[in-house]
Amino acid sequence: MPAPTMRMETLLGNAPDFALWIYDFLCSLRPQIEKHNVSLEVLGDFQTLSARLEAEVAKSNSVVPYVALVGAWCRKAAH
């Protein structure tokens, strides 16, 4: 196959709950994080993380990125 053409799109927004995807993502990974003894201490109290993220987005008066989506495609030459 030839090298793919790729495109990345990142949704931006400023609603306070827009940054909560990172909290949801960390929640889904938490069992593995704990299993491998990875410290989340740098994030502060995990129980207040979602509220702190919402407050920070609201306070920033700017947009924040959502998770980037990448698409890749290529075409096989017809022979």
PDB file of N, CA and C in Angstrom:
ATOM      1  N   MET A   1       0.834  -1.169   0.000  1.00  0.00           N
ATOM      2  CA  MET A   1       0.000   0.000   0.000  1.00  0.00           C
ATOM      3  C   MET A   1       0.889   1.245   0.000  1.00  0.00           C
ATOM      4  N   PRO A   2       0.468   2.266  -0.706  1.00  0.00           N
ATOM      5  CA  PRO A   2       1.229   3.519  -0.674  1.00  0.00           C
ATOM      6  C   PRO A   2       1.051   4.230   0.670  1.00  0.00           C
ATOM      7  N   ALA A   3       1.905   5.215   0.907  1.00  0.00           N
ATOM      8  CA  ALA A   3       1.781   6.002   2.134  1.00  0.00           C
ATOM      9  C   ALA A   3       0.399   6.656   2.163  1.00  0.00           C
ATOM     10  N   PRO A   4      -0.218   6.698   3.326  1.00  0.00           N
ATOM     11  CA  PRO A   4      -1.569   7.255   3.399  1.00  0.00           C
ATOM     12  C   PRO A   4      -1.586   8.779   3.375  1.00  0.00           C
ATOM     13  N   THR A   5      -2.694   9.304   2.942  1.00  0.00           N
ATOM     14  CA  THR A   5      -3.003  10.711   3.127  1.00  0.00           C
ATOM     15  C   THR A   5      -3.639  10.797   4.502  1.00  0.00           C
ATOM     16  N   MET A   6      -3.278  11.804   5.266  1.00  0.00           N
ATOM     17  CA  MET A   6      -3.793  11.900   6.631  1.00  0.00           C
ATOM     18  C   MET A   6      -4.375  13.287   6.882  1.00  0.00           C
ATOM     19  N   ARG A   7      -5.348  13.310   7.762  1.00  0.00           N
ATOM     20  CA  ARG A   7      -5.984  14.565   8.143  1.00  0.00           C
ATOM     21  C   ARG A   7      -6.290  14.508   9.642  1.00  0.00           C
ATOM     22  N   MET A   8      -6.027  15.607  10.332  1.00  0.00           N
ATOM     23  CA  MET A   8      -6.329  15.675  11.756  1.00  0.00           C
ATOM     24  C   MET A   8      -7.257  16.859  12.000  1.00  0.00           C
ATOM     25  N   GLU A   9      -8.298  16.615  12.770  1.00  0.00           N
ATOM     26  CA  GLU A   9      -9.230  17.674  13.136  1.00  0.00           C
ATOM     27  C   GLU A   9      -9.328  17.729  14.653  1.00  0.00           C
ATOM     28  N   THR A  10      -9.293  18.938  15.177  1.00  0.00           N
ATOM     29  CA  THR A  10      -9.422  19.148  16.614  1.00  0.00           C
ATOM     30  C   THR A  10     -10.546  20.137  16.851  1.00  0.00           C
ATOM     31  N   LEU A  11     -11.554  19.688  17.539  1.00  0.00           N
ATOM     32  CA  LEU A  11     -12.675  20.535  17.884  1.00  0.00           C
ATOM     33  C   LEU A  11     -12.258  21.456  19.027  1.00  0.00           C
ATOM     34  N   LEU A  12     -12.626  22.727  18.931  1.00  0.00           N
ATOM     35  CA  LEU A  12     -12.323  23.699  19.971  1.00  0.00           C
ATOM     36  C   LEU A  12     -13.626  24.222  20.567  1.00  0.00           C
ATOM     37  N   GLY A  13     -13.599  24.542  21.838  1.00  0.00           N
ATOM     38  CA  GLY A  13     -14.801  25.074  22.463  1.00  0.00           C
ATOM     39  C   GLY A  13     -14.482  25.798  23.752  1.00  0.00           C
ATOM     40  N   ASN A  14     -15.481  26.455  24.316  1.00  0.00           N
ATOM     41  CA  ASN A  14     -15.247  27.168  25.554  1.00  0.00           C
ATOM     42  C   ASN A  14     -16.331  26.926  26.607  1.00  0.00           C
ATOM     43  N   ALA A  15     -17.189  25.956  26.396  1.00  0.00           N
ATOM     44  CA  ALA A  15     -18.159  25.600  27.426  1.00  0.00           C
ATOM     45  C   ALA A  15     -17.399  25.007  28.611  1.00  0.00           C
ATOM     46  N   PRO A  16     -17.797  25.320  29.834  1.00  0.00           N
ATOM     47  CA  PRO A  16     -17.051  24.831  30.995  1.00  0.00           C
ATOM     48  C   PRO A  16     -16.847  23.314  31.014  1.00  0.00           C
ATOM     49  N   ASP A  17     -17.835  22.551  30.531  1.00  0.00           N
ATOM     50  CA  ASP A  17     -17.690  21.092  30.559  1.00  0.00           C
ATOM     51  C   ASP A  17     -16.926  20.531  29.357  1.00  0.00           C
ATOM     52  N   PHE A  18     -16.433  21.391  28.488  1.00  0.00           N
ATOM     53  CA  PHE A  18     -15.761  20.941  27.273  1.00  0.00           C
ATOM     54  C   PHE A  18     -14.480  20.169  27.566  1.00  0.00           C
ATOM     55  N   ALA A  19     -13.772  20.534  28.620  1.00  0.00           N
ATOM     56  CA  ALA A  19     -12.504  19.878  28.952  1.00  0.00           C
ATOM     57  C   ALA A  19     -12.697  18.594  29.756  1.00  0.00           C
ATOM     58  N   LEU A  20     -13.936  18.209  30.026  1.00  0.00           N
ATOM     59  CA  LEU A  20     -14.156  17.034  30.858  1.00  0.00           C
ATOM     60  C   LEU A  20     -13.788  15.722  30.171  1.00  0.00           C
ATOM     61  N   TRP A  21     -13.538  15.752  28.871  1.00  0.00           N
ATOM     62  CA  TRP A  21     -13.140  14.518  28.197  1.00  0.00           C
ATOM     63  C   TRP A  21     -11.870  13.962  28.825  1.00  0.00           C
ATOM     64  N   ILE A  22     -10.955  14.827  29.255  1.00  0.00           N
ATOM     65  CA  ILE A  22      -9.712  14.334  29.849  1.00  0.00           C
ATOM     66  C   ILE A  22     -10.005  13.645  31.182  1.00  0.00           C
ATOM     67  N   TYR A  23     -10.947  14.183  31.941  1.00  0.00           N
ATOM     68  CA  TYR A  23     -11.342  13.541  33.193  1.00  0.00           C
ATOM     69  C   TYR A  23     -11.989  12.182  32.907  1.00  0.00           C
ATOM     70  N   ASP A  24     -12.903  12.139  31.948  1.00  0.00           N
ATOM     71  CA  ASP A  24     -13.550  10.877  31.579  1.00  0.00           C
ATOM     72  C   ASP A  24     -12.520   9.859  31.095  1.00  0.00           C
ATOM     73  N   PHE A  25     -11.565  10.330  30.319  1.00  0.00           N
ATOM     74  CA  PHE A  25     -10.499   9.456  29.809  1.00  0.00           C
ATOM     75  C   PHE A  25      -9.684   8.878  30.967  1.00  0.00           C
ATOM     76  N   LEU A  26      -9.299   9.724  31.912  1.00  0.00           N
ATOM     77  CA  LEU A  26      -8.535   9.251  33.063  1.00  0.00           C
ATOM     78  C   LEU A  26      -9.345   8.280  33.912  1.00  0.00           C
ATOM     79  N   CYS A  27     -10.651   8.534  34.039  1.00  0.00           N
ATOM     80  CA  CYS A  27     -11.510   7.603  34.787  1.00  0.00           C
ATOM     81  C   CYS A  27     -11.526   6.230  34.134  1.00  0.00           C
ATOM     82  N   SER A  28     -11.583   6.198  32.810  1.00  0.00           N
ATOM     83  CA  SER A  28     -11.609   4.908  32.122  1.00  0.00           C
ATOM     84  C   SER A  28     -10.269   4.174  32.240  1.00  0.00           C
ATOM     85  N   LEU A  29      -9.187   4.935  32.380  1.00  0.00           N
ATOM     86  CA  LEU A  29      -7.861   4.319  32.513  1.00  0.00           C
ATOM     87  C   LEU A  29      -7.472   4.039  33.955  1.00  0.00           C
ATOM     88  N   ARG A  30      -8.235   4.548  34.887  1.00  0.00           N
ATOM     89  CA  ARG A  30      -7.844   4.469  36.298  1.00  0.00           C
ATOM     90  C   ARG A  30      -7.538   3.053  36.787  1.00  0.00           C
ATOM     91  N   PRO A  31      -8.308   2.037  36.412  1.00  0.00           N
ATOM     92  CA  PRO A  31      -7.938   0.684  36.866  1.00  0.00           C
ATOM     93  C   PRO A  31      -6.526   0.279  36.408  1.00  0.00           C
ATOM     94  N   GLN A  32      -6.166   0.619  35.192  1.00  0.00           N
ATOM     95  CA  GLN A  32      -4.824   0.288  34.702  1.00  0.00           C
ATOM     96  C   GLN A  32      -3.761   1.169  35.358  1.00  0.00           C
ATOM     97  N   ILE A  33      -4.109   2.418  35.588  1.00  0.00           N
ATOM     98  CA  ILE A  33      -3.183   3.339  36.260  1.00  0.00           C
ATOM     99  C   ILE A  33      -2.849   2.797  37.647  1.00  0.00           C
ATOM    100  N   GLU A  34      -3.875   2.382  38.370  1.00  0.00           N
ATOM    101  CA  GLU A  34      -3.666   1.835  39.713  1.00  0.00           C
ATOM    102  C   GLU A  34      -2.934   0.502  39.667  1.00  0.00           C
ATOM    103  N   LYS A  35      -3.272  -0.327  38.688  1.00  0.00           N
ATOM    104  CA  LYS A  35      -2.622  -1.633  38.551  1.00  0.00           C
ATOM    105  C   LYS A  35      -1.114  -1.485  38.368  1.00  0.00           C
ATOM    106  N   HIS A  36      -0.708  -0.453  37.630  1.00  0.00           N
ATOM    107  CA  HIS A  36       0.715  -0.243  37.345  1.00  0.00           C
ATOM    108  C   HIS A  36       1.357   0.792  38.268  1.00  0.00           C
ATOM    109  N   ASN A  37       0.639   1.144  39.328  1.00  0.00           N
ATOM    110  CA  ASN A  37       1.160   2.067  40.342  1.00  0.00           C
ATOM    111  C   ASN A  37       1.669   3.384  39.760  1.00  0.00           C
ATOM    112  N   VAL A  38       0.926   3.935  38.814  1.00  0.00           N
ATOM    113  CA  VAL A  38       1.258   5.240  38.253  1.00  0.00           C
ATOM    114  C   VAL A  38       0.607   6.292  39.144  1.00  0.00           C
ATOM    115  N   SER A  39       1.385   7.253  39.568  1.00  0.00           N
ATOM    116  CA  SER A  39       0.880   8.275  40.480  1.00  0.00           C
ATOM    117  C   SER A  39       0.079   9.337  39.729  1.00  0.00           C
ATOM    118  N   LEU A  40      -1.084   9.661  40.271  1.00  0.00           N
ATOM    119  CA  LEU A  40      -1.897  10.767  39.764  1.00  0.00           C
ATOM    120  C   LEU A  40      -1.787  11.971  40.693  1.00  0.00           C
ATOM    121  N   GLU A  41      -0.825  11.923  41.591  1.00  0.00           N
ATOM    122  CA  GLU A  41      -0.662  12.973  42.599  1.00  0.00           C
ATOM    123  C   GLU A  41      -0.499  14.357  41.982  1.00  0.00           C
ATOM    124  N   VAL A  42       0.165  14.439  40.852  1.00  0.00           N
ATOM    125  CA  VAL A  42       0.385  15.726  40.200  1.00  0.00           C
ATOM    126  C   VAL A  42      -0.933  16.397  39.806  1.00  0.00           C
ATOM    127  N   LEU A  43      -2.010  15.619  39.676  1.00  0.00           N
ATOM    128  CA  LEU A  43      -3.318  16.158  39.313  1.00  0.00           C
ATOM    129  C   LEU A  43      -4.087  16.697  40.509  1.00  0.00           C
ATOM    130  N   GLY A  44      -3.555  16.515  41.706  1.00  0.00           N
ATOM    131  CA  GLY A  44      -4.267  16.941  42.907  1.00  0.00           C
ATOM    132  C   GLY A  44      -5.354  15.943  43.263  1.00  0.00           C
ATOM    133  N   ASP A  45      -6.329  16.386  44.025  1.00  0.00           N
ATOM    134  CA  ASP A  45      -7.427  15.525  44.461  1.00  0.00           C
ATOM    135  C   ASP A  45      -8.250  15.096  43.250  1.00  0.00           C
ATOM    136  N   PHE A  46      -8.225  13.807  42.953  1.00  0.00           N
ATOM    137  CA  PHE A  46      -8.928  13.293  41.780  1.00  0.00           C
ATOM    138  C   PHE A  46     -10.437  13.505  41.896  1.00  0.00           C
ATOM    139  N   GLN A  47     -10.964  13.524  43.120  1.00  0.00           N
ATOM    140  CA  GLN A  47     -12.401  13.712  43.325  1.00  0.00           C
ATOM    141  C   GLN A  47     -12.866  15.103  42.916  1.00  0.00           C
ATOM    142  N   THR A  48     -11.966  16.077  42.899  1.00  0.00           N
ATOM    143  CA  THR A  48     -12.337  17.449  42.528  1.00  0.00           C
ATOM    144  C   THR A  48     -11.813  17.843  41.148  1.00  0.00           C
ATOM    145  N   LEU A  49     -11.168  16.909  40.462  1.00  0.00           N
ATOM    146  CA  LEU A  49     -10.547  17.229  39.172  1.00  0.00           C
ATOM    147  C   LEU A  49     -11.547  17.761  38.151  1.00  0.00           C
ATOM    148  N   SER A  50     -12.705  17.125  38.021  1.00  0.00           N
ATOM    149  CA  SER A  50     -13.667  17.568  37.004  1.00  0.00           C
ATOM    150  C   SER A  50     -14.138  18.992  37.291  1.00  0.00           C
ATOM    151  N   ALA A  51     -14.419  19.306  38.545  1.00  0.00           N
ATOM    152  CA  ALA A  51     -14.853  20.657  38.905  1.00  0.00           C
ATOM    153  C   ALA A  51     -13.741  21.674  38.656  1.00  0.00           C
ATOM    154  N   ARG A  52     -12.504  21.299  38.950  1.00  0.00           N
ATOM    155  CA  ARG A  52     -11.386  22.217  38.725  1.00  0.00           C
ATOM    156  C   ARG A  52     -11.161  22.454  37.240  1.00  0.00           C
ATOM    157  N   LEU A  53     -11.322  21.411  36.427  1.00  0.00           N
ATOM    158  CA  LEU A  53     -11.190  21.578  34.975  1.00  0.00           C
ATOM    159  C   LEU A  53     -12.260  22.514  34.436  1.00  0.00           C
ATOM    160  N   GLU A  54     -13.502  22.302  34.865  1.00  0.00           N
ATOM    161  CA  GLU A  54     -14.599  23.175  34.427  1.00  0.00           C
ATOM    162  C   GLU A  54     -14.331  24.626  34.815  1.00  0.00           C
ATOM    163  N   ALA A  55     -13.894  24.837  36.045  1.00  0.00           N
ATOM    164  CA  ALA A  55     -13.628  26.196  36.524  1.00  0.00           C
ATOM    165  C   ALA A  55     -12.483  26.846  35.752  1.00  0.00           C
ATOM    166  N   GLU A  56     -11.464  26.068  35.446  1.00  0.00           N
ATOM    167  CA  GLU A  56     -10.318  26.622  34.728  1.00  0.00           C
ATOM    168  C   GLU A  56     -10.698  27.042  33.308  1.00  0.00           C
ATOM    169  N   VAL A  57     -11.516  26.244  32.644  1.00  0.00           N
ATOM    170  CA  VAL A  57     -11.969  26.610  31.295  1.00  0.00           C
ATOM    171  C   VAL A  57     -12.813  27.879  31.364  1.00  0.00           C
ATOM    172  N   ALA A  58     -13.726  27.941  32.318  1.00  0.00           N
ATOM    173  CA  ALA A  58     -14.582  29.120  32.456  1.00  0.00           C
ATOM    174  C   ALA A  58     -13.751  30.367  32.761  1.00  0.00           C
ATOM    175  N   LYS A  59     -12.758  30.233  33.612  1.00  0.00           N
ATOM    176  CA  LYS A  59     -11.916  31.360  34.021  1.00  0.00           C
ATOM    177  C   LYS A  59     -10.998  31.835  32.893  1.00  0.00           C
ATOM    178  N   SER A  60     -10.591  30.932  32.027  1.00  0.00           N
ATOM    179  CA  SER A  60      -9.600  31.261  30.993  1.00  0.00           C
ATOM    180  C   SER A  60     -10.143  32.203  29.918  1.00  0.00           C
ATOM    181  N   ASN A  61     -11.474  32.218  29.744  1.00  0.00           N
ATOM    182  CA  ASN A  61     -12.080  33.065  28.715  1.00  0.00           C
ATOM    183  C   ASN A  61     -11.452  32.818  27.342  1.00  0.00           C
ATOM    184  N   SER A  62     -11.159  31.563  27.062  1.00  0.00           N
ATOM    185  CA  SER A  62     -10.582  31.187  25.770  1.00  0.00           C
ATOM    186  C   SER A  62     -11.117  29.813  25.387  1.00  0.00           C
ATOM    187  N   VAL A  63     -10.673  29.308  24.262  1.00  0.00           N
ATOM    188  CA  VAL A  63     -11.109  27.978  23.829  1.00  0.00           C
ATOM    189  C   VAL A  63     -10.096  26.936  24.276  1.00  0.00           C
ATOM    190  N   VAL A  64     -10.580  25.728  24.425  1.00  0.00           N
ATOM    191  CA  VAL A  64      -9.715  24.598  24.752  1.00  0.00           C
ATOM    192  C   VAL A  64      -9.950  23.505  23.705  1.00  0.00           C
ATOM    193  N   PRO A  65      -8.935  22.669  23.458  1.00  0.00           N
ATOM    194  CA  PRO A  65      -9.103  21.616  22.458  1.00  0.00           C
ATOM    195  C   PRO A  65      -9.793  20.390  23.032  1.00  0.00           C
ATOM    196  N   TYR A  66     -10.562  19.751  22.192  1.00  0.00           N
ATOM    197  CA  TYR A  66     -11.138  18.456  22.488  1.00  0.00           C
ATOM    198  C   TYR A  66     -10.168  17.426  21.917  1.00  0.00           C
ATOM    199  N   VAL A  67     -10.411  16.180  22.109  1.00  0.00           N
ATOM    200  CA  VAL A  67      -9.522  15.146  21.590  1.00  0.00           C
ATOM    201  C   VAL A  67      -9.424  15.253  20.066  1.00  0.00           C
ATOM    202  N   ALA A  68      -8.221  15.144  19.538  1.00  0.00           N
ATOM    203  CA  ALA A  68      -8.008  15.231  18.091  1.00  0.00           C
ATOM    204  C   ALA A  68      -8.408  13.917  17.423  1.00  0.00           C
ATOM    205  N   LEU A  69      -9.032  14.028  16.279  1.00  0.00           N
ATOM    206  CA  LEU A  69      -9.407  12.853  15.494  1.00  0.00           C
ATOM    207  C   LEU A  69      -8.539  12.818  14.251  1.00  0.00           C
ATOM    208  N   VAL A  70      -7.984  11.649  13.965  1.00  0.00           N
ATOM    209  CA  VAL A  70      -7.105  11.490  12.806  1.00  0.00           C
ATOM    210  C   VAL A  70      -7.737  10.496  11.844  1.00  0.00           C
ATOM    211  N   GLY A  71      -7.779  10.887  10.591  1.00  0.00           N
ATOM    212  CA  GLY A  71      -8.241   9.982   9.536  1.00  0.00           C
ATOM    213  C   GLY A  71      -7.091   9.729   8.580  1.00  0.00           C
ATOM    214  N   ALA A  72      -6.967   8.519   8.102  1.00  0.00           N
ATOM    215  CA  ALA A  72      -5.917   8.189   7.141  1.00  0.00           C
ATOM    216  C   ALA A  72      -6.514   7.293   6.066  1.00  0.00           C
ATOM    217  N   TRP A  73      -6.102   7.523   4.836  1.00  0.00           N
ATOM    218  CA  TRP A  73      -6.601   6.715   3.736  1.00  0.00           C
ATOM    219  C   TRP A  73      -5.562   6.668   2.631  1.00  0.00           C
ATOM    220  N   CYS A  74      -5.650   5.648   1.828  1.00  0.00           N
ATOM    221  CA  CYS A  74      -4.803   5.541   0.645  1.00  0.00           C
ATOM    222  C   CYS A  74      -5.541   4.693  -0.389  1.00  0.00           C
ATOM    223  N   ARG A  75      -5.042   4.755  -1.594  1.00  0.00           N
ATOM    224  CA  ARG A  75      -5.647   3.974  -2.674  1.00  0.00           C
ATOM    225  C   ARG A  75      -4.620   3.019  -3.250  1.00  0.00           C
ATOM    226  N   LYS A  76      -5.056   1.812  -3.414  1.00  0.00           N
ATOM    227  CA  LYS A  76      -4.205   0.805  -4.016  1.00  0.00           C
ATOM    228  C   LYS A  76      -4.279   0.989  -5.530  1.00  0.00           C
ATOM    229  N   ALA A  77      -3.134   1.013  -6.168  1.00  0.00           N
ATOM    230  CA  ALA A  77      -3.101   1.191  -7.618  1.00  0.00           C
ATOM    231  C   ALA A  77      -3.788   0.001  -8.303  1.00  0.00           C
ATOM    232  N   ALA A  78      -4.602   0.314  -9.317  1.00  0.00           N
ATOM    233  CA  ALA A  78      -5.302  -0.737 -10.067  1.00  0.00           C
ATOM    234  C   ALA A  78      -4.334  -1.327 -11.080  1.00  0.00           C
ATOM    235  N   HIS A  79      -4.180  -2.635 -11.044  1.00  0.00           N
ATOM    236  CA  HIS A  79      -3.300  -3.323 -12.004  1.00  0.00           C
ATOM    237  C   HIS A  79      -4.051  -4.393 -12.732  1.00  0.00           C
TER     238      HIS A  79
END
